[in-house]
N, C-alpha and C. Protein backbone atom coordinates (compact mmCIF):
# COMPACT_ATOMS: atom_id res chain seq x y z
N MET A 1 101.74 109.27 103.83
CA MET A 1 101.42 108.43 104.97
C MET A 1 102.23 108.90 106.17
N ILE A 2 101.56 109.01 107.31
CA ILE A 2 102.20 109.52 108.52
C ILE A 2 102.15 108.45 109.61
N PHE A 3 103.30 108.21 110.26
CA PHE A 3 103.36 107.31 111.40
C PHE A 3 103.16 108.12 112.67
N ARG A 4 102.33 107.61 113.57
CA ARG A 4 102.10 108.28 114.84
C ARG A 4 102.23 107.27 115.98
N ALA A 5 102.78 107.74 117.10
CA ALA A 5 102.89 106.96 118.33
C ALA A 5 102.42 107.87 119.46
N LYS A 6 101.33 107.47 120.12
CA LYS A 6 100.75 108.35 121.15
C LYS A 6 100.19 107.55 122.30
N ASP A 7 100.35 108.09 123.50
CA ASP A 7 99.66 107.54 124.65
C ASP A 7 98.19 107.93 124.55
N PHE A 8 97.35 107.21 125.26
CA PHE A 8 95.90 107.40 125.14
C PHE A 8 95.49 108.86 125.32
N ASN A 9 95.96 109.51 126.37
CA ASN A 9 95.53 110.89 126.65
C ASN A 9 96.06 111.91 125.65
N ASP A 10 96.98 111.50 124.80
CA ASP A 10 97.50 112.41 123.77
C ASP A 10 96.76 112.27 122.44
N LEU A 11 95.91 111.26 122.32
CA LEU A 11 95.14 111.09 121.09
C LEU A 11 94.09 112.18 120.97
N SER A 12 93.91 112.69 119.77
CA SER A 12 92.81 113.63 119.55
C SER A 12 91.51 112.81 119.46
N VAL A 13 90.40 113.50 119.59
CA VAL A 13 89.11 112.83 119.46
C VAL A 13 89.00 112.19 118.08
N SER A 14 89.44 112.91 117.05
CA SER A 14 89.37 112.38 115.68
C SER A 14 90.26 111.15 115.51
N GLU A 15 91.46 111.18 116.08
CA GLU A 15 92.35 110.02 115.98
C GLU A 15 91.74 108.81 116.67
N LEU A 16 91.19 109.01 117.87
CA LEU A 16 90.57 107.90 118.59
C LEU A 16 89.39 107.35 117.80
N TYR A 17 88.58 108.22 117.25
CA TYR A 17 87.44 107.79 116.44
C TYR A 17 87.91 106.95 115.25
N GLU A 18 88.94 107.41 114.55
CA GLU A 18 89.45 106.68 113.38
C GLU A 18 90.06 105.33 113.78
N ILE A 19 90.74 105.29 114.93
CA ILE A 19 91.29 104.02 115.43
C ILE A 19 90.15 103.04 115.68
N LEU A 20 89.14 103.47 116.40
CA LEU A 20 88.02 102.58 116.72
C LEU A 20 87.25 102.17 115.48
N LYS A 21 87.13 103.08 114.53
CA LYS A 21 86.46 102.77 113.27
C LYS A 21 87.23 101.69 112.51
N SER A 22 88.55 101.81 112.44
CA SER A 22 89.36 100.80 111.74
C SER A 22 89.32 99.46 112.47
N ARG A 23 89.37 99.48 113.79
CA ARG A 23 89.30 98.22 114.55
C ARG A 23 87.95 97.54 114.31
N CYS A 24 86.88 98.30 114.28
CA CYS A 24 85.56 97.75 114.00
C CYS A 24 85.50 97.16 112.59
N GLU A 25 86.04 97.90 111.63
CA GLU A 25 86.01 97.45 110.24
C GLU A 25 86.73 96.11 110.06
N VAL A 26 87.88 95.96 110.70
CA VAL A 26 88.66 94.74 110.53
C VAL A 26 88.14 93.61 111.41
N PHE A 27 88.03 93.86 112.70
CA PHE A 27 87.72 92.76 113.61
C PHE A 27 86.24 92.39 113.62
N LEU A 28 85.35 93.34 113.59
CA LEU A 28 83.92 93.05 113.66
C LEU A 28 83.34 92.72 112.28
N ILE A 29 83.60 93.57 111.31
CA ILE A 29 82.97 93.39 110.00
C ILE A 29 83.72 92.36 109.15
N GLU A 30 85.05 92.55 108.98
CA GLU A 30 85.82 91.64 108.11
C GLU A 30 85.99 90.25 108.73
N GLN A 31 86.40 90.20 110.01
CA GLN A 31 86.70 88.91 110.63
C GLN A 31 85.55 88.36 111.46
N ARG A 32 84.48 89.12 111.62
CA ARG A 32 83.28 88.70 112.34
C ARG A 32 83.56 88.26 113.78
N ILE A 33 84.47 88.97 114.43
CA ILE A 33 84.78 88.72 115.84
C ILE A 33 83.78 89.52 116.67
N VAL A 34 83.09 88.83 117.53
CA VAL A 34 82.11 89.49 118.39
C VAL A 34 82.66 89.49 119.81
N CYS A 35 83.18 90.65 120.22
CA CYS A 35 83.70 90.80 121.58
C CYS A 35 83.67 92.29 121.93
N GLN A 36 83.91 92.58 123.17
CA GLN A 36 83.98 93.97 123.61
C GLN A 36 85.35 94.51 123.23
N ASP A 37 85.44 95.23 122.14
CA ASP A 37 86.72 95.75 121.65
C ASP A 37 87.29 96.80 122.59
N MET A 38 86.45 97.68 123.08
CA MET A 38 86.90 98.74 123.99
C MET A 38 86.93 98.15 125.40
N ASP A 39 88.10 97.63 125.77
CA ASP A 39 88.25 96.79 126.96
C ASP A 39 89.00 97.48 128.09
N ASP A 40 89.13 98.76 128.08
CA ASP A 40 89.83 99.56 129.08
C ASP A 40 91.35 99.44 128.99
N VAL A 41 91.88 98.50 128.22
CA VAL A 41 93.33 98.40 128.03
C VAL A 41 93.83 99.60 127.24
N ASP A 42 92.98 100.19 126.43
CA ASP A 42 93.37 101.36 125.65
C ASP A 42 93.90 102.49 126.53
N TYR A 43 93.34 102.65 127.72
CA TYR A 43 93.76 103.72 128.61
C TYR A 43 95.23 103.61 128.99
N LYS A 44 95.74 102.39 129.14
CA LYS A 44 97.13 102.19 129.56
C LYS A 44 98.06 101.83 128.40
N SER A 45 97.57 101.97 127.19
CA SER A 45 98.34 101.57 126.01
C SER A 45 98.98 102.77 125.32
N ARG A 46 100.03 102.45 124.58
CA ARG A 46 100.60 103.39 123.61
C ARG A 46 100.04 102.93 122.27
N HIS A 47 99.55 103.87 121.48
CA HIS A 47 98.86 103.56 120.24
C HIS A 47 99.74 103.95 119.06
N TYR A 48 99.90 103.02 118.15
CA TYR A 48 100.75 103.21 116.97
C TYR A 48 99.86 103.08 115.73
N PHE A 49 100.01 104.04 114.82
CA PHE A 49 99.19 103.94 113.63
C PHE A 49 99.80 104.69 112.45
N LEU A 50 99.40 104.23 111.27
CA LEU A 50 99.71 104.92 110.03
C LEU A 50 98.44 105.61 109.60
N GLU A 51 98.60 106.87 109.23
CA GLU A 51 97.46 107.69 108.86
C GLU A 51 97.64 108.15 107.42
N GLU A 52 96.56 108.05 106.66
CA GLU A 52 96.58 108.51 105.27
C GLU A 52 95.27 109.24 105.02
N ASN A 53 95.36 110.50 104.63
CA ASN A 53 94.16 111.32 104.41
C ASN A 53 93.24 111.28 105.64
N ASN A 54 93.83 111.44 106.81
CA ASN A 54 93.12 111.46 108.09
C ASN A 54 92.41 110.14 108.42
N ARG A 55 92.79 109.06 107.75
CA ARG A 55 92.21 107.73 107.99
C ARG A 55 93.28 106.82 108.57
N VAL A 56 92.99 106.08 109.63
CA VAL A 56 93.93 105.11 110.19
C VAL A 56 93.90 103.87 109.31
N ILE A 57 95.03 103.60 108.62
CA ILE A 57 95.08 102.47 107.69
C ILE A 57 95.84 101.28 108.25
N ALA A 58 96.57 101.49 109.34
CA ALA A 58 97.26 100.39 110.03
C ALA A 58 97.39 100.80 111.49
N TYR A 59 97.29 99.82 112.38
CA TYR A 59 97.22 100.15 113.80
C TYR A 59 97.69 98.98 114.65
N LEU A 60 98.26 99.32 115.82
CA LEU A 60 98.47 98.36 116.90
C LEU A 60 98.59 99.13 118.20
N ARG A 61 98.43 98.42 119.30
CA ARG A 61 98.62 99.03 120.60
C ARG A 61 99.61 98.19 121.38
N ALA A 62 100.31 98.85 122.32
CA ALA A 62 101.31 98.18 123.15
C ALA A 62 101.12 98.63 124.59
N PHE A 63 101.31 97.68 125.52
CA PHE A 63 101.11 97.97 126.93
C PHE A 63 101.89 96.96 127.76
N TYR A 64 102.21 97.37 128.98
CA TYR A 64 102.92 96.45 129.87
C TYR A 64 102.01 95.28 130.23
N ASN A 65 102.59 94.09 130.23
CA ASN A 65 101.90 92.88 130.67
C ASN A 65 101.55 93.04 132.14
N GLU A 66 100.33 92.76 132.52
CA GLU A 66 99.90 93.00 133.91
C GLU A 66 100.58 92.08 134.91
N ASP A 67 101.14 90.95 134.46
CA ASP A 67 101.82 90.02 135.37
C ASP A 67 103.32 90.22 135.43
N ASP A 68 103.88 90.93 134.44
CA ASP A 68 105.34 91.07 134.37
C ASP A 68 105.66 92.37 133.64
N ASP A 69 106.10 93.38 134.39
CA ASP A 69 106.34 94.69 133.77
C ASP A 69 107.65 94.77 132.99
N SER A 70 108.34 93.63 132.80
CA SER A 70 109.48 93.61 131.89
C SER A 70 109.05 93.12 130.51
N VAL A 71 107.74 92.88 130.37
CA VAL A 71 107.18 92.38 129.11
C VAL A 71 106.15 93.38 128.60
N VAL A 72 106.25 93.70 127.31
CA VAL A 72 105.25 94.54 126.66
C VAL A 72 104.43 93.66 125.73
N GLN A 73 103.14 93.79 125.86
CA GLN A 73 102.18 93.05 125.04
C GLN A 73 101.77 93.92 123.86
N ILE A 74 101.71 93.33 122.68
CA ILE A 74 101.22 94.00 121.48
C ILE A 74 99.89 93.39 121.12
N GLY A 75 98.94 94.23 120.72
CA GLY A 75 97.64 93.70 120.36
C GLY A 75 96.90 94.60 119.39
N ARG A 76 95.75 94.08 118.96
CA ARG A 76 94.85 94.77 118.03
C ARG A 76 95.56 95.19 116.74
N VAL A 77 96.45 94.34 116.25
CA VAL A 77 97.22 94.66 115.04
C VAL A 77 96.31 94.54 113.82
N LEU A 78 96.31 95.57 112.98
CA LEU A 78 95.47 95.52 111.78
C LEU A 78 96.05 96.38 110.66
N THR A 79 95.68 96.03 109.46
CA THR A 79 95.88 96.89 108.29
C THR A 79 94.60 96.86 107.47
N LEU A 80 94.24 97.98 106.89
CA LEU A 80 93.05 98.02 106.05
C LEU A 80 93.36 97.57 104.63
N LYS A 81 94.58 97.82 104.17
CA LYS A 81 94.99 97.45 102.81
C LYS A 81 96.07 96.38 102.93
N HIS A 82 95.77 95.19 102.49
CA HIS A 82 96.71 94.08 102.61
C HIS A 82 97.67 94.05 101.41
N GLY A 83 98.90 93.62 101.68
CA GLY A 83 99.87 93.43 100.61
C GLY A 83 100.55 94.69 100.11
N GLU A 84 100.39 95.80 100.81
CA GLU A 84 101.00 97.05 100.37
C GLU A 84 102.16 97.50 101.25
N GLY A 85 102.55 96.66 102.22
CA GLY A 85 103.70 96.98 103.07
C GLY A 85 103.37 97.82 104.29
N HIS A 86 102.11 98.17 104.48
CA HIS A 86 101.75 99.02 105.62
C HIS A 86 101.98 98.30 106.94
N GLY A 87 101.66 97.02 107.01
CA GLY A 87 101.87 96.26 108.23
C GLY A 87 103.34 96.19 108.61
N ALA A 88 104.19 95.96 107.62
CA ALA A 88 105.63 95.89 107.88
C ALA A 88 106.18 97.23 108.34
N GLU A 89 105.75 98.30 107.70
CA GLU A 89 106.21 99.63 108.10
C GLU A 89 105.76 99.94 109.53
N LEU A 90 104.50 99.63 109.83
CA LEU A 90 103.98 99.87 111.17
C LEU A 90 104.76 99.07 112.21
N MET A 91 105.01 97.79 111.98
CA MET A 91 105.73 96.96 112.94
C MET A 91 107.14 97.47 113.16
N LYS A 92 107.85 97.77 112.09
CA LYS A 92 109.24 98.23 112.19
C LYS A 92 109.32 99.51 113.03
N LYS A 93 108.48 100.48 112.72
CA LYS A 93 108.53 101.75 113.43
C LYS A 93 108.00 101.61 114.86
N SER A 94 107.01 100.78 115.07
CA SER A 94 106.45 100.59 116.40
C SER A 94 107.45 99.89 117.31
N ILE A 95 108.12 98.86 116.82
CA ILE A 95 109.13 98.16 117.63
C ILE A 95 110.24 99.12 118.03
N ALA A 96 110.67 99.96 117.11
CA ALA A 96 111.72 100.95 117.43
C ALA A 96 111.24 101.89 118.53
N ASP A 97 110.00 102.36 118.45
CA ASP A 97 109.48 103.26 119.48
C ASP A 97 109.29 102.53 120.81
N ILE A 98 108.83 101.31 120.78
CA ILE A 98 108.64 100.53 122.00
C ILE A 98 109.97 100.40 122.74
N LYS A 99 111.04 100.13 121.99
CA LYS A 99 112.37 100.00 122.61
C LYS A 99 112.79 101.29 123.31
N GLU A 100 112.40 102.43 122.77
CA GLU A 100 112.74 103.73 123.37
C GLU A 100 111.79 104.13 124.48
N HIS A 101 110.52 103.84 124.32
CA HIS A 101 109.49 104.34 125.23
C HIS A 101 109.29 103.46 126.46
N PHE A 102 109.38 102.16 126.30
CA PHE A 102 109.12 101.22 127.38
C PHE A 102 110.43 100.66 127.90
N GLU A 103 110.48 100.36 129.17
CA GLU A 103 111.60 99.62 129.74
C GLU A 103 111.16 98.16 129.79
N CYS A 104 111.61 97.39 128.80
CA CYS A 104 111.17 95.99 128.73
C CYS A 104 112.26 95.13 128.13
N LYS A 105 112.14 93.84 128.37
CA LYS A 105 113.11 92.86 127.87
C LYS A 105 112.52 91.99 126.78
N LYS A 106 111.18 92.01 126.67
CA LYS A 106 110.53 91.10 125.74
C LYS A 106 109.23 91.70 125.23
N LEU A 107 108.90 91.40 123.98
CA LEU A 107 107.60 91.74 123.40
C LEU A 107 106.83 90.44 123.20
N CYS A 108 105.55 90.46 123.48
CA CYS A 108 104.70 89.29 123.30
C CYS A 108 103.46 89.70 122.50
N LEU A 109 102.92 88.74 121.78
CA LEU A 109 101.66 88.96 121.08
C LEU A 109 100.98 87.64 120.83
N HIS A 110 99.68 87.69 120.58
CA HIS A 110 98.91 86.55 120.13
C HIS A 110 98.66 86.77 118.65
N SER A 111 99.21 85.90 117.83
CA SER A 111 99.07 86.02 116.38
C SER A 111 98.03 85.04 115.87
N GLN A 112 97.18 85.51 114.97
CA GLN A 112 96.38 84.55 114.26
C GLN A 112 97.36 83.63 113.53
N LYS A 113 97.11 82.33 113.58
CA LYS A 113 98.11 81.36 113.13
C LYS A 113 98.60 81.64 111.71
N TYR A 114 97.71 82.01 110.81
CA TYR A 114 98.11 82.25 109.43
C TYR A 114 99.10 83.41 109.31
N ALA A 115 99.12 84.32 110.29
CA ALA A 115 99.97 85.51 110.23
C ALA A 115 101.30 85.35 110.95
N ALA A 116 101.56 84.19 111.55
CA ALA A 116 102.79 84.00 112.33
C ALA A 116 104.04 84.27 111.48
N GLY A 117 104.03 83.89 110.23
CA GLY A 117 105.18 84.12 109.35
C GLY A 117 105.51 85.60 109.20
N PHE A 118 104.50 86.44 109.20
CA PHE A 118 104.71 87.89 109.13
C PHE A 118 105.52 88.35 110.33
N TYR A 119 105.14 87.94 111.53
CA TYR A 119 105.83 88.37 112.74
C TYR A 119 107.23 87.76 112.85
N GLU A 120 107.41 86.58 112.31
CA GLU A 120 108.73 85.94 112.32
C GLU A 120 109.76 86.79 111.56
N LYS A 121 109.32 87.54 110.57
CA LYS A 121 110.22 88.43 109.82
C LYS A 121 110.84 89.50 110.71
N PHE A 122 110.21 89.78 111.85
CA PHE A 122 110.71 90.79 112.78
C PHE A 122 111.42 90.15 113.97
N GLY A 123 111.59 88.83 113.94
CA GLY A 123 112.31 88.13 114.99
C GLY A 123 111.44 87.46 116.03
N PHE A 124 110.13 87.57 115.92
CA PHE A 124 109.24 86.88 116.87
C PHE A 124 109.33 85.38 116.65
N LYS A 125 109.18 84.63 117.74
CA LYS A 125 109.19 83.17 117.68
C LYS A 125 107.91 82.64 118.31
N VAL A 126 107.37 81.57 117.73
CA VAL A 126 106.18 80.92 118.28
C VAL A 126 106.60 80.21 119.56
N VAL A 127 105.84 80.42 120.64
CA VAL A 127 106.19 79.83 121.94
C VAL A 127 105.02 79.05 122.55
N SER A 128 104.02 78.71 121.75
CA SER A 128 102.87 77.98 122.27
C SER A 128 102.32 77.04 121.22
N ASP A 129 101.48 76.15 121.67
CA ASP A 129 100.66 75.36 120.76
C ASP A 129 99.53 76.25 120.27
N ASP A 130 98.80 75.77 119.29
CA ASP A 130 97.64 76.49 118.79
C ASP A 130 96.59 76.61 119.89
N PHE A 131 95.86 77.73 119.89
CA PHE A 131 94.73 77.89 120.80
C PHE A 131 93.69 78.77 120.13
N LEU A 132 92.47 78.67 120.59
CA LEU A 132 91.38 79.48 120.05
C LEU A 132 91.23 80.75 120.85
N GLU A 133 91.12 81.85 120.13
CA GLU A 133 90.82 83.15 120.74
C GLU A 133 89.74 83.77 119.87
N GLU A 134 88.60 84.03 120.45
CA GLU A 134 87.45 84.56 119.72
C GLU A 134 87.12 83.70 118.49
N GLY A 135 87.28 82.37 118.64
CA GLY A 135 86.93 81.44 117.57
C GLY A 135 87.94 81.33 116.45
N ILE A 136 89.11 81.97 116.59
CA ILE A 136 90.14 81.96 115.55
C ILE A 136 91.40 81.33 116.12
N VAL A 137 92.05 80.46 115.35
CA VAL A 137 93.26 79.79 115.80
C VAL A 137 94.40 80.80 115.92
N HIS A 138 95.03 80.83 117.09
CA HIS A 138 96.14 81.74 117.40
C HIS A 138 97.33 80.96 117.93
N VAL A 139 98.48 81.62 117.96
CA VAL A 139 99.68 81.15 118.66
C VAL A 139 100.26 82.34 119.43
N SER A 140 100.92 82.03 120.54
CA SER A 140 101.64 83.08 121.28
C SER A 140 103.02 83.21 120.67
N MET A 141 103.49 84.45 120.57
CA MET A 141 104.80 84.72 119.98
C MET A 141 105.55 85.69 120.89
N GLU A 142 106.88 85.57 120.89
CA GLU A 142 107.73 86.45 121.71
C GLU A 142 108.93 86.93 120.91
N LEU A 143 109.38 88.12 121.27
CA LEU A 143 110.61 88.70 120.71
C LEU A 143 111.44 89.18 121.88
N GLU A 144 112.62 88.57 122.06
CA GLU A 144 113.55 89.01 123.11
C GLU A 144 114.26 90.27 122.62
N LEU A 145 114.34 91.29 123.46
CA LEU A 145 114.98 92.54 123.06
C LEU A 145 116.41 92.61 123.58
């Protein structure tokens, strides 16, 4: 398994294809979320993923918050294989790279409510009431760096 951290323009065509394929598999097919996944945020994001046999098995993207450039937003977090530690490995390595690559004081994300405990293991704290995003209950979470 290989960890990769790349800005959009550094992704190969194959890597981008595999990222989009995994996002479709999890968000559209598994979770039945109907939205425009390719939202132009990818262009300004740093992409983090675990690759196994040329397949993206875990992924997230990070980008500066458009309202506050001291905050980095994390999104599109996924794993194809649950319960095997891929999500934890991806988060640990991605947070380390974010600290080096971005000049920021805080990380933010919208977590599906059931997954908040996962992010709490990395120091994130719930900072909002429940809200619906794409029909799924979420909470906002933050990690002070």
